[in-house]
Amino acid sequence: MTATIAPPTGARPGDPNGVADGDGARGGASFARVVARRVGSTLLTIAVSLVVLTAIWLGVLKYFDVSKFVGKGPSDVWDYLFSDTPKIGVRPSTMSAALARSQALDGLWKTLGDAGIGFVVGLGFATIVAALFVLFRPFEFAFMPIAMLLRSVPLVAMAPVILLIVGHGTGAIAAIGAVVVLFPALVNIVLGLRSASPQALDLIRVNGGSERVALLKVRLPSALPNFFAAVRISVPGAVVGAMLAEWLSGFDGLGGLLNNYKGVANYTGVWAIVVISVLASILLYSIAVILETVVLAKWGPDAGKR
């Protein structure tokens, strides 16, 4: 008598893997729920952060009794950017709300472009160097002191030197942003590459795979959580680095506007630039968090460990 093995419940007849049609749909629904939950928590975090930051802002102005000529509140910044009839002293009489918004947005796009170049260059270089650390241990002993030097020298002291070497322009601003991104990204990615499962690495070696194969098939997938942690840390740092370089190099971008507004005593404009840069950093950080959730939900938290 021949025994018959019934397919698993819900499996499609003739499916050699015994996988039900509904499994893919259930997996897609679970993926969508994870992403939607993370997006919701991120939006809630943004709202709470804005409330807390606003409370701290008003509290600091009140506690230190900052002069109203220099210290501006949220309502002043709003009037500066959107009101056609602001209070006296909020906005220069020669500047309209439309002009204030135009200058701020132009500066924002310039800063984001500079920060984006620095971020990509710094993160890409950090990833390459981290891979070389894992593949060639002597390279780590040679390069790590340089990375430590870049980290230990204050950015305010290093930026003028970089500008003198590279010159003023987008390249110099991007170089400063890359320096800001490099060290924290390098440390996180190296930790991620070295957190790969020893069993998975042994399996690669037993089957004759090289260290480069292990890097691509095991170490890089395992490093995804650390890689995205580096992205989240580096995004605000790239914006700060770009603004500092713009402050030192000229009158472009948000940093250049800060320099210009401070010189003409447009202190509400200074506060508006600070607010815009903080909002941009929070938004970019949140986008990085959502992207991390999408990738890790797709690959799974144990990517490269199985």
C-alpha atoms as a PDB file:
ATOM      1  CA  MET A   1       0.000   0.000   0.000  1.00  0.00           C
ATOM      2  CA  THR A   2       1.387   3.414  -0.956  1.00  0.00           C
ATOM      3  CA  ALA A   3       1.174   6.178   1.653  1.00  0.00           C
ATOM      4  CA  THR A   4      -0.081   9.552   0.529  1.00  0.00           C
ATOM      5  CA  ILE A   5       1.261  12.740   2.087  1.00  0.00           C
ATOM      6  CA  ALA A   6      -1.303  15.472   2.203  1.00  0.00           C
ATOM      7  CA  PRO A   7      -0.082  18.952   1.391  1.00  0.00           C
ATOM      8  CA  PRO A   8       0.002  21.459   4.248  1.00  0.00           C
ATOM      9  CA  THR A   9      -3.269  23.149   5.005  1.00  0.00           C
ATOM     10  CA  GLY A  10      -3.833  26.033   2.644  1.00  0.00           C
ATOM     11  CA  ALA A  11      -1.111  24.942   0.202  1.00  0.00           C
ATOM     12  CA  ARG A  12      -1.816  25.168  -3.480  1.00  0.00           C
ATOM     13  CA  PRO A  13      -2.133  21.689  -5.058  1.00  0.00           C
ATOM     14  CA  GLY A  14       0.968  20.891  -7.046  1.00  0.00           C
ATOM     15  CA  ASP A  15       3.083  23.497  -5.248  1.00  0.00           C
ATOM     16  CA  PRO A  16       6.399  21.709  -4.543  1.00  0.00           C
ATOM     17  CA  ASN A  17       7.198  23.992  -1.660  1.00  0.00           C
ATOM     18  CA  GLY A  18       3.821  23.655  -0.052  1.00  0.00           C
ATOM     19  CA  VAL A  19       3.502  27.421   0.332  1.00  0.00           C
ATOM     20  CA  ALA A  20       0.026  28.821   0.461  1.00  0.00           C
ATOM     21  CA  ASP A  21      -1.045  31.648  -1.798  1.00  0.00           C
ATOM     22  CA  GLY A  22      -2.027  33.617   1.292  1.00  0.00           C
ATOM     23  CA  ASP A  23       1.460  33.485   2.812  1.00  0.00           C
ATOM     24  CA  GLY A  24       2.793  36.193   0.498  1.00  0.00           C
ATOM     25  CA  ALA A  25      -0.234  38.365   1.172  1.00  0.00           C
ATOM     26  CA  ARG A  26       0.112  37.869   4.927  1.00  0.00           C
ATOM     27  CA  GLY A  27       3.819  38.714   4.700  1.00  0.00           C
ATOM     28  CA  GLY A  28       3.026  41.865   2.717  1.00  0.00           C
ATOM     29  CA  ALA A  29       0.364  42.896   5.225  1.00  0.00           C
ATOM     30  CA  SER A  30       2.780  42.320   8.117  1.00  0.00           C
ATOM     31  CA  PHE A  31       5.452  44.382   6.342  1.00  0.00           C
ATOM     32  CA  ALA A  32       2.969  47.210   5.755  1.00  0.00           C
ATOM     33  CA  ARG A  33       1.905  47.125   9.419  1.00  0.00           C
ATOM     34  CA  VAL A  34       5.508  47.367  10.625  1.00  0.00           C
ATOM     35  CA  VAL A  35       6.228  50.319   8.340  1.00  0.00           C
ATOM     36  CA  ALA A  36       2.941  52.081   9.176  1.00  0.00           C
ATOM     37  CA  ARG A  37       3.576  51.630  12.910  1.00  0.00           C
ATOM     38  CA  ARG A  38       7.057  53.081  12.592  1.00  0.00           C
ATOM     39  CA  VAL A  39       5.856  56.017  10.498  1.00  0.00           C
ATOM     40  CA  GLY A  40       3.194  56.757  13.107  1.00  0.00           C
ATOM     41  CA  SER A  41       5.666  56.594  15.988  1.00  0.00           C
ATOM     42  CA  THR A  42       8.094  58.789  14.050  1.00  0.00           C
ATOM     43  CA  LEU A  43       5.433  61.444  13.429  1.00  0.00           C
ATOM     44  CA  LEU A  44       4.468  61.333  17.110  1.00  0.00           C
ATOM     45  CA  THR A  45       8.128  61.703  18.092  1.00  0.00           C
ATOM     46  CA  ILE A  46       8.485  64.719  15.799  1.00  0.00           C
ATOM     47  CA  ALA A  47       5.413  66.371  17.345  1.00  0.00           C
ATOM     48  CA  VAL A  48       6.622  65.731  20.902  1.00  0.00           C
ATOM     49  CA  SER A  49      10.134  66.944  20.026  1.00  0.00           C
ATOM     50  CA  LEU A  50       8.791  70.197  18.587  1.00  0.00           C
ATOM     51  CA  VAL A  51       6.677  70.827  21.688  1.00  0.00           C
ATOM     52  CA  VAL A  52       9.617  70.116  24.013  1.00  0.00           C
ATOM     53  CA  LEU A  53      12.026  72.258  21.976  1.00  0.00           C
ATOM     54  CA  THR A  54       9.557  75.145  21.913  1.00  0.00           C
ATOM     55  CA  ALA A  55       9.089  74.910  25.684  1.00  0.00           C
ATOM     56  CA  ILE A  56      12.866  74.883  26.234  1.00  0.00           C
ATOM     57  CA  TRP A  57      13.264  77.824  23.859  1.00  0.00           C
ATOM     58  CA  LEU A  58      10.712  79.964  25.717  1.00  0.00           C
ATOM     59  CA  GLY A  59      12.018  78.799  29.092  1.00  0.00           C
ATOM     60  CA  VAL A  60      15.613  79.774  28.296  1.00  0.00           C
ATOM     61  CA  LEU A  61      14.569  83.226  27.073  1.00  0.00           C
ATOM     62  CA  LYS A  62      12.548  83.815  30.224  1.00  0.00           C
ATOM     63  CA  TYR A  63      15.009  82.290  32.721  1.00  0.00           C
ATOM     64  CA  PHE A  64      18.010  84.234  31.441  1.00  0.00           C
ATOM     65  CA  ASP A  65      15.902  87.356  30.859  1.00  0.00           C
ATOM     66  CA  VAL A  66      17.266  87.734  27.318  1.00  0.00           C
ATOM     67  CA  SER A  67      16.788  91.161  25.781  1.00  0.00           C
ATOM     68  CA  LYS A  68      13.889  91.261  23.331  1.00  0.00           C
ATOM     69  CA  PHE A  69      16.204  92.958  20.844  1.00  0.00           C
ATOM     70  CA  VAL A  70      18.316  89.786  20.608  1.00  0.00           C
ATOM     71  CA  GLY A  71      16.122  86.996  21.946  1.00  0.00           C
ATOM     72  CA  LYS A  72      13.190  86.182  19.676  1.00  0.00           C
ATOM     73  CA  GLY A  73      10.362  83.766  20.365  1.00  0.00           C
ATOM     74  CA  PRO A  74       8.380  81.428  18.089  1.00  0.00           C
ATOM     75  CA  SER A  75       5.748  84.102  17.400  1.00  0.00           C
ATOM     76  CA  ASP A  76       8.462  86.522  16.270  1.00  0.00           C
ATOM     77  CA  VAL A  77       9.903  83.949  13.877  1.00  0.00           C
ATOM     78  CA  TRP A  78       6.429  83.224  12.502  1.00  0.00           C
ATOM     79  CA  ASP A  79       5.738  86.930  11.954  1.00  0.00           C
ATOM     80  CA  TYR A  80       9.166  87.363  10.371  1.00  0.00           C
ATOM     81  CA  LEU A  81       8.422  84.711   7.766  1.00  0.00           C
ATOM     82  CA  PHE A  82       4.685  85.080   7.202  1.00  0.00           C
ATOM     83  CA  SER A  83       3.240  88.334   8.541  1.00  0.00           C
ATOM     84  CA  ASP A  84       2.837  91.349   6.266  1.00  0.00           C
ATOM     85  CA  THR A  85       2.533  93.656   9.284  1.00  0.00           C
ATOM     86  CA  PRO A  86       4.932  92.363  11.965  1.00  0.00           C
ATOM     87  CA  LYS A  87       5.687  94.168  15.209  1.00  0.00           C
ATOM     88  CA  ILE A  88       8.389  96.821  15.152  1.00  0.00           C
ATOM     89  CA  GLY A  89      11.830  95.255  15.365  1.00  0.00           C
ATOM     90  CA  VAL A  90      10.770  91.842  14.126  1.00  0.00           C
ATOM     91  CA  ARG A  91      11.862  92.385  10.520  1.00  0.00           C
ATOM     92  CA  PRO A  92      13.862  95.093   8.755  1.00  0.00           C
ATOM     93  CA  SER A  93      11.562  97.643   7.136  1.00  0.00           C
ATOM     94  CA  THR A  94      13.170  97.037   3.743  1.00  0.00           C
ATOM     95  CA  MET A  95      12.354  93.323   3.829  1.00  0.00           C
ATOM     96  CA  SER A  96       8.981  91.744   3.105  1.00  0.00           C
ATOM     97  CA  ALA A  97       7.764  88.374   4.347  1.00  0.00           C
ATOM     98  CA  ALA A  98       8.042  86.984   0.836  1.00  0.00           C
ATOM     99  CA  LEU A  99      11.682  88.105   0.603  1.00  0.00           C
ATOM    100  CA  ALA A 100      12.448  86.627   4.035  1.00  0.00           C
ATOM    101  CA  ARG A 101      10.962  83.279   2.998  1.00  0.00           C
ATOM    102  CA  SER A 102      12.723  83.360  -0.342  1.00  0.00           C
ATOM    103  CA  GLN A 103      16.127  83.981   1.227  1.00  0.00           C
ATOM    104  CA  ALA A 104      15.566  81.278   3.835  1.00  0.00           C
ATOM    105  CA  LEU A 105      14.427  78.678   1.292  1.00  0.00           C
ATOM    106  CA  ASP A 106      17.251  79.488  -1.117  1.00  0.00           C
ATOM    107  CA  GLY A 107      19.725  79.117   1.732  1.00  0.00           C
ATOM    108  CA  LEU A 108      18.087  75.867   2.837  1.00  0.00           C
ATOM    109  CA  TRP A 109      18.348  74.250  -0.612  1.00  0.00           C
ATOM    110  CA  LYS A 110      21.981  75.316  -0.908  1.00  0.00           C
ATOM    111  CA  THR A 111      22.819  73.912   2.533  1.00  0.00           C
ATOM    112  CA  LEU A 112      20.969  70.663   1.879  1.00  0.00           C
ATOM    113  CA  GLY A 113      22.852  70.250  -1.390  1.00  0.00           C
ATOM    114  CA  ASP A 114      26.204  70.844   0.313  1.00  0.00           C
ATOM    115  CA  ALA A 115      25.271  68.591   3.223  1.00  0.00           C
ATOM    116  CA  GLY A 116      24.077  65.877   0.827  1.00  0.00           C
ATOM    117  CA  ILE A 117      27.403  65.811  -1.009  1.00  0.00           C
ATOM    118  CA  GLY A 118      29.338  65.690   2.261  1.00  0.00           C
ATOM    119  CA  PHE A 119      27.043  63.000   3.642  1.00  0.00           C
ATOM    120  CA  VAL A 120      27.372  60.727   0.598  1.00  0.00           C
ATOM    121  CA  VAL A 121      31.147  61.196   0.367  1.00  0.00           C
ATOM    122  CA  GLY A 122      31.696  60.713   4.108  1.00  0.00           C
ATOM    123  CA  LEU A 123      29.410  57.681   4.404  1.00  0.00           C
ATOM    124  CA  GLY A 124      30.783  56.060   1.238  1.00  0.00           C
ATOM    125  CA  PHE A 125      34.388  56.591   2.333  1.00  0.00           C
ATOM    126  CA  ALA A 126      33.581  55.274   5.828  1.00  0.00           C
ATOM    127  CA  THR A 127      32.021  52.119   4.333  1.00  0.00           C
ATOM    128  CA  ILE A 128      35.045  51.467   2.111  1.00  0.00           C
ATOM    129  CA  VAL A 129      37.495  52.042   4.956  1.00  0.00           C
ATOM    130  CA  ALA A 130      35.462  49.821   7.306  1.00  0.00           C
ATOM    131  CA  ALA A 131      35.534  47.006   4.725  1.00  0.00           C
ATOM    132  CA  LEU A 132      39.304  47.406   4.389  1.00  0.00           C
ATOM    133  CA  PHE A 133      39.622  47.252   8.192  1.00  0.00           C
ATOM    134  CA  VAL A 134      37.921  43.857   8.156  1.00  0.00           C
ATOM    135  CA  LEU A 135      39.741  42.487   5.107  1.00  0.00           C
ATOM    136  CA  PHE A 136      43.232  43.788   5.941  1.00  0.00           C
ATOM    137  CA  ARG A 137      43.938  44.187   9.648  1.00  0.00           C
ATOM    138  CA  PRO A 138      47.258  46.084   9.124  1.00  0.00           C
ATOM    139  CA  PHE A 139      45.277  48.781   7.285  1.00  0.00           C
ATOM    140  CA  GLU A 140      43.322  49.460  10.485  1.00  0.00           C
ATOM    141  CA  PHE A 141      46.498  50.081  12.479  1.00  0.00           C
ATOM    142  CA  ALA A 142      47.718  52.471   9.783  1.00  0.00           C
ATOM    143  CA  PHE A 143      44.481  54.434   9.231  1.00  0.00           C
ATOM    144  CA  MET A 144      42.853  54.529  12.670  1.00  0.00           C
ATOM    145  CA  PRO A 145      45.321  57.114  14.104  1.00  0.00           C
ATOM    146  CA  ILE A 146      44.402  59.424  11.196  1.00  0.00           C
ATOM    147  CA  ALA A 147      40.707  58.945  11.897  1.00  0.00           C
ATOM    148  CA  MET A 148      41.292  59.618  15.598  1.00  0.00           C
ATOM    149  CA  LEU A 149      43.186  62.796  14.697  1.00  0.00           C
ATOM    150  CA  LEU A 150      40.306  64.011  12.549  1.00  0.00           C
ATOM    151  CA  ARG A 151      37.919  63.292  15.412  1.00  0.00           C
ATOM    152  CA  SER A 152      39.988  64.886  18.159  1.00  0.00           C
ATOM    153  CA  VAL A 153      40.657  68.218  16.407  1.00  0.00           C
ATOM    154  CA  PRO A 154      37.696  70.585  16.921  1.00  0.00           C
ATOM    155  CA  LEU A 155      35.769  71.180  13.724  1.00  0.00           C
ATOM    156  CA  VAL A 156      35.931  74.939  14.229  1.00  0.00           C
ATOM    157  CA  ALA A 157      39.747  74.706  14.143  1.00  0.00           C
ATOM    158  CA  MET A 158      39.873  72.197  11.291  1.00  0.00           C
ATOM    159  CA  ALA A 159      37.405  73.913   8.954  1.00  0.00           C
ATOM    160  CA  PRO A 160      39.581  76.982   8.171  1.00  0.00           C
ATOM    161  CA  VAL A 161      42.519  74.695   7.376  1.00  0.00           C
ATOM    162  CA  ILE A 162      40.381  72.640   4.991  1.00  0.00           C
ATOM    163  CA  LEU A 163      39.155  75.834   3.329  1.00  0.00           C
ATOM    164  CA  LEU A 164      42.734  77.021   2.887  1.00  0.00           C
ATOM    165  CA  ILE A 165      43.759  73.699   1.308  1.00  0.00           C
ATOM    166  CA  VAL A 166      40.706  72.991  -0.864  1.00  0.00           C
ATOM    167  CA  GLY A 167      39.588  76.557  -1.475  1.00  0.00           C
ATOM    168  CA  HIS A 168      36.207  78.193  -1.047  1.00  0.00           C
ATOM    169  CA  GLY A 169      33.307  76.557  -2.797  1.00  0.00           C
ATOM    170  CA  THR A 170      31.080  73.512  -2.851  1.00  0.00           C
ATOM    171  CA  GLY A 171      34.039  71.125  -2.755  1.00  0.00           C
ATOM    172  CA  ALA A 172      35.395  72.618   0.458  1.00  0.00           C
ATOM    173  CA  ILE A 173      31.973  72.688   2.110  1.00  0.00           C
ATOM    174  CA  ALA A 174      31.355  69.055   1.117  1.00  0.00           C
ATOM    175  CA  ALA A 175      34.815  68.099   2.446  1.00  0.00           C
ATOM    176  CA  ILE A 176      33.987  69.552   5.866  1.00  0.00           C
ATOM    177  CA  GLY A 177      30.655  67.726   5.874  1.00  0.00           C
ATOM    178  CA  ALA A 178      32.443  64.481   4.966  1.00  0.00           C
ATOM    179  CA  VAL A 179      34.877  64.914   7.862  1.00  0.00           C
ATOM    180  CA  VAL A 180      31.947  65.343  10.262  1.00  0.00           C
ATOM    181  CA  VAL A 181      30.285  62.177   8.944  1.00  0.00           C
ATOM    182  CA  LEU A 182      33.402  60.008   8.612  1.00  0.00           C
ATOM    183  CA  PHE A 183      34.362  59.003  12.156  1.00  0.00           C
ATOM    184  CA  PRO A 184      30.982  58.127  13.729  1.00  0.00           C
ATOM    185  CA  ALA A 185      29.949  56.288  10.554  1.00  0.00           C
ATOM    186  CA  LEU A 186      33.258  54.409  10.452  1.00  0.00           C
ATOM    187  CA  VAL A 187      32.976  53.229  14.062  1.00  0.00           C
ATOM    188  CA  ASN A 188      29.367  52.055  13.657  1.00  0.00           C
ATOM    189  CA  ILE A 189      29.960  50.248  10.361  1.00  0.00           C
ATOM    190  CA  VAL A 190      33.094  48.481  11.638  1.00  0.00           C
ATOM    191  CA  LEU A 191      31.162  47.242  14.677  1.00  0.00           C
ATOM    192  CA  GLY A 192      28.405  46.023  12.384  1.00  0.00           C
ATOM    193  CA  LEU A 193      30.786  44.174  10.062  1.00  0.00           C
ATOM    194  CA  ARG A 194      32.415  42.449  13.021  1.00  0.00           C
ATOM    195  CA  SER A 195      29.092  41.423  14.542  1.00  0.00           C
ATOM    196  CA  ALA A 196      28.480  38.838  11.828  1.00  0.00           C
ATOM    197  CA  SER A 197      27.573  35.314  12.941  1.00  0.00           C
ATOM    198  CA  PRO A 198      30.722  33.180  13.445  1.00  0.00           C
ATOM    199  CA  GLN A 199      28.776  30.103  12.278  1.00  0.00           C
ATOM    200  CA  ALA A 200      27.828  31.810   9.010  1.00  0.00           C
ATOM    201  CA  LEU A 201      31.432  32.900   8.476  1.00  0.00           C
ATOM    202  CA  ASP A 202      32.681  29.367   9.171  1.00  0.00           C
ATOM    203  CA  LEU A 203      30.190  28.022   6.640  1.00  0.00           C
ATOM    204  CA  ILE A 204      31.601  30.342   3.975  1.00  0.00           C
ATOM    205  CA  ARG A 205      35.181  29.264   4.783  1.00  0.00           C
ATOM    206  CA  VAL A 206      34.344  25.533   4.865  1.00  0.00           C
ATOM    207  CA  ASN A 207      32.871  25.838   1.379  1.00  0.00           C
ATOM    208  CA  GLY A 208      36.007  27.528   0.098  1.00  0.00           C
ATOM    209  CA  GLY A 209      34.741  31.095   0.135  1.00  0.00           C
ATOM    210  CA  SER A 210      37.190  33.965   0.518  1.00  0.00           C
ATOM    211  CA  GLU A 211      37.029  36.843   2.983  1.00  0.00           C
ATOM    212  CA  ARG A 212      35.571  39.012   0.241  1.00  0.00           C
ATOM    213  CA  VAL A 213      32.745  36.516  -0.264  1.00  0.00           C
ATOM    214  CA  ALA A 214      32.134  36.494   3.490  1.00  0.00           C
ATOM    215  CA  LEU A 215      32.109  40.296   3.464  1.00  0.00           C
ATOM    216  CA  LEU A 216      29.492  40.488   0.715  1.00  0.00           C
ATOM    217  CA  LYS A 217      27.270  37.589   1.761  1.00  0.00           C
ATOM    218  CA  VAL A 218      27.482  37.708   5.561  1.00  0.00           C
ATOM    219  CA  ARG A 219      29.169  40.785   7.003  1.00  0.00           C
ATOM    220  CA  LEU A 220      27.439  43.491   4.956  1.00  0.00           C
ATOM    221  CA  PRO A 221      23.898  42.162   5.556  1.00  0.00           C
ATOM    222  CA  SER A 222      24.703  41.770   9.268  1.00  0.00           C
ATOM    223  CA  ALA A 223      25.921  45.365   9.401  1.00  0.00           C
ATOM    224  CA  LEU A 224      22.663  46.848   8.086  1.00  0.00           C
ATOM    225  CA  PRO A 225      21.349  47.925  11.532  1.00  0.00           C
ATOM    226  CA  ASN A 226      24.690  49.578  12.355  1.00  0.00           C
ATOM    227  CA  PHE A 227      24.846  51.133   8.894  1.00  0.00           C
ATOM    228  CA  PHE A 228      21.474  52.787   9.361  1.00  0.00           C
ATOM    229  CA  ALA A 229      22.462  53.882  12.861  1.00  0.00           C
ATOM    230  CA  ALA A 230      25.430  55.604  11.207  1.00  0.00           C
ATOM    231  CA  VAL A 231      23.059  57.210   8.692  1.00  0.00           C
ATOM    232  CA  ARG A 232      20.810  58.558  11.462  1.00  0.00           C
ATOM    233  CA  ILE A 233      23.773  59.977  13.368  1.00  0.00           C
ATOM    234  CA  SER A 234      25.429  61.436  10.295  1.00  0.00           C
ATOM    235  CA  VAL A 235      22.470  63.268   8.745  1.00  0.00           C
ATOM    236  CA  PRO A 236      22.282  66.102  11.337  1.00  0.00           C
ATOM    237  CA  GLY A 237      26.081  66.209  11.506  1.00  0.00           C
ATOM    238  CA  ALA A 238      26.336  66.775   7.770  1.00  0.00           C
ATOM    239  CA  VAL A 239      23.907  69.712   8.009  1.00  0.00           C
ATOM    240  CA  VAL A 240      25.907  71.255  10.876  1.00  0.00           C
ATOM    241  CA  GLY A 241      29.188  70.767   9.000  1.00  0.00           C
ATOM    242  CA  ALA A 242      27.796  72.372   5.851  1.00  0.00           C
ATOM    243  CA  MET A 243      26.458  75.367   7.803  1.00  0.00           C
ATOM    244  CA  LEU A 244      29.794  75.863   9.563  1.00  0.00           C
ATOM    245  CA  ALA A 245      31.654  75.784   6.261  1.00  0.00           C
ATOM    246  CA  GLU A 246      29.185  78.245   4.748  1.00  0.00           C
ATOM    247  CA  TRP A 247      29.582  80.523   7.777  1.00  0.00           C
ATOM    248  CA  LEU A 248      33.353  80.596   7.275  1.00  0.00           C
ATOM    249  CA  SER A 249      33.452  80.703   3.487  1.00  0.00           C
ATOM    250  CA  GLY A 250      30.946  83.327   2.413  1.00  0.00           C
ATOM    251  CA  PHE A 251      27.304  84.307   2.226  1.00  0.00           C
ATOM    252  CA  ASP A 252      25.764  81.205   0.615  1.00  0.00           C
ATOM    253  CA  GLY A 253      23.467  78.735   2.313  1.00  0.00           C
ATOM    254  CA  LEU A 254      22.000  78.932   5.795  1.00  0.00           C
ATOM    255  CA  GLY A 255      25.445  79.455   7.322  1.00  0.00           C
ATOM    256  CA  GLY A 256      26.104  82.388   5.019  1.00  0.00           C
ATOM    257  CA  LEU A 257      22.710  83.888   5.872  1.00  0.00           C
ATOM    258  CA  LEU A 258      23.522  83.601   9.570  1.00  0.00           C
ATOM    259  CA  ASN A 259      26.736  85.487   8.952  1.00  0.00           C
ATOM    260  CA  ASN A 260      24.942  88.132   6.916  1.00  0.00           C
ATOM    261  CA  TYR A 261      21.992  88.586   9.305  1.00  0.00           C
ATOM    262  CA  LYS A 262      24.265  88.831  12.320  1.00  0.00           C
ATOM    263  CA  GLY A 263      26.278  91.554  10.597  1.00  0.00           C
ATOM    264  CA  VAL A 264      23.195  93.707   9.985  1.00  0.00           C
ATOM    265  CA  ALA A 265      21.618  92.949  13.395  1.00  0.00           C
ATOM    266  CA  ASN A 266      18.722  91.012  11.841  1.00  0.00           C
ATOM    267  CA  TYR A 267      18.374  88.803  14.921  1.00  0.00           C
ATOM    268  CA  THR A 268      14.915  87.488  14.064  1.00  0.00           C
ATOM    269  CA  GLY A 269      16.403  86.273  10.800  1.00  0.00           C
ATOM    270  CA  VAL A 270      19.133  84.514  12.799  1.00  0.00           C
ATOM    271  CA  TRP A 271      16.533  82.736  14.925  1.00  0.00           C
ATOM    272  CA  ALA A 272      14.520  81.860  11.811  1.00  0.00           C
ATOM    273  CA  ILE A 273      17.581  80.224  10.239  1.00  0.00           C
ATOM    274  CA  VAL A 274      18.198  78.241  13.431  1.00  0.00           C
ATOM    275  CA  VAL A 275      14.583  77.055  13.456  1.00  0.00           C
ATOM    276  CA  ILE A 276      14.679  76.076   9.791  1.00  0.00           C
ATOM    277  CA  SER A 277      17.947  74.147  10.205  1.00  0.00           C
ATOM    278  CA  VAL A 278      16.592  72.284  13.252  1.00  0.00           C
ATOM    279  CA  LEU A 279      13.364  71.390  11.439  1.00  0.00           C
ATOM    280  CA  ALA A 280      15.338  70.210   8.394  1.00  0.00           C
ATOM    281  CA  SER A 281      17.600  68.031  10.575  1.00  0.00           C
ATOM    282  CA  ILE A 282      14.616  66.485  12.388  1.00  0.00           C
ATOM    283  CA  LEU A 283      12.854  65.787   9.096  1.00  0.00           C
ATOM    284  CA  LEU A 284      15.937  64.209   7.513  1.00  0.00           C
ATOM    285  CA  TYR A 285      16.542  62.129  10.642  1.00  0.00           C
ATOM    286  CA  SER A 286      12.927  60.913  10.509  1.00  0.00           C
ATOM    287  CA  ILE A 287      13.262  59.989   6.833  1.00  0.00           C
ATOM    288  CA  ALA A 288      16.371  57.967   7.718  1.00  0.00           C
ATOM    289  CA  VAL A 289      14.436  56.184  10.489  1.00  0.00           C
ATOM    290  CA  ILE A 290      11.591  55.290   8.120  1.00  0.00           C
ATOM    291  CA  LEU A 291      14.033  54.087   5.448  1.00  0.00           C
ATOM    292  CA  GLU A 292      15.783  51.961   8.063  1.00  0.00           C
ATOM    293  CA  THR A 293      12.448  50.425   9.076  1.00  0.00           C
ATOM    294  CA  VAL A 294      11.541  49.602   5.469  1.00  0.00           C
ATOM    295  CA  VAL A 295      14.889  47.934   4.716  1.00  0.00           C
ATOM    296  CA  LEU A 296      15.172  45.997   7.968  1.00  0.00           C
ATOM    297  CA  ALA A 297      11.537  44.906   7.827  1.00  0.00           C
ATOM    298  CA  LYS A 298      12.234  43.534   4.352  1.00  0.00           C
ATOM    299  CA  TRP A 299      15.571  41.886   5.134  1.00  0.00           C
ATOM    300  CA  GLY A 300      14.772  41.024   8.737  1.00  0.00           C
ATOM    301  CA  PRO A 301      16.732  41.876  11.892  1.00  0.00           C
ATOM    302  CA  ASP A 302      18.882  38.742  11.462  1.00  0.00           C
ATOM    303  CA  ALA A 303      20.050  39.521   7.932  1.00  0.00           C
ATOM    304  CA  GLY A 304      23.318  37.719   7.239  1.00  0.00           C
ATOM    305  CA  LYS A 305      23.085  35.604  10.415  1.00  0.00           C
ATOM    306  CA  ARG A 306      21.176  32.658   8.966  1.00  0.00           C
END
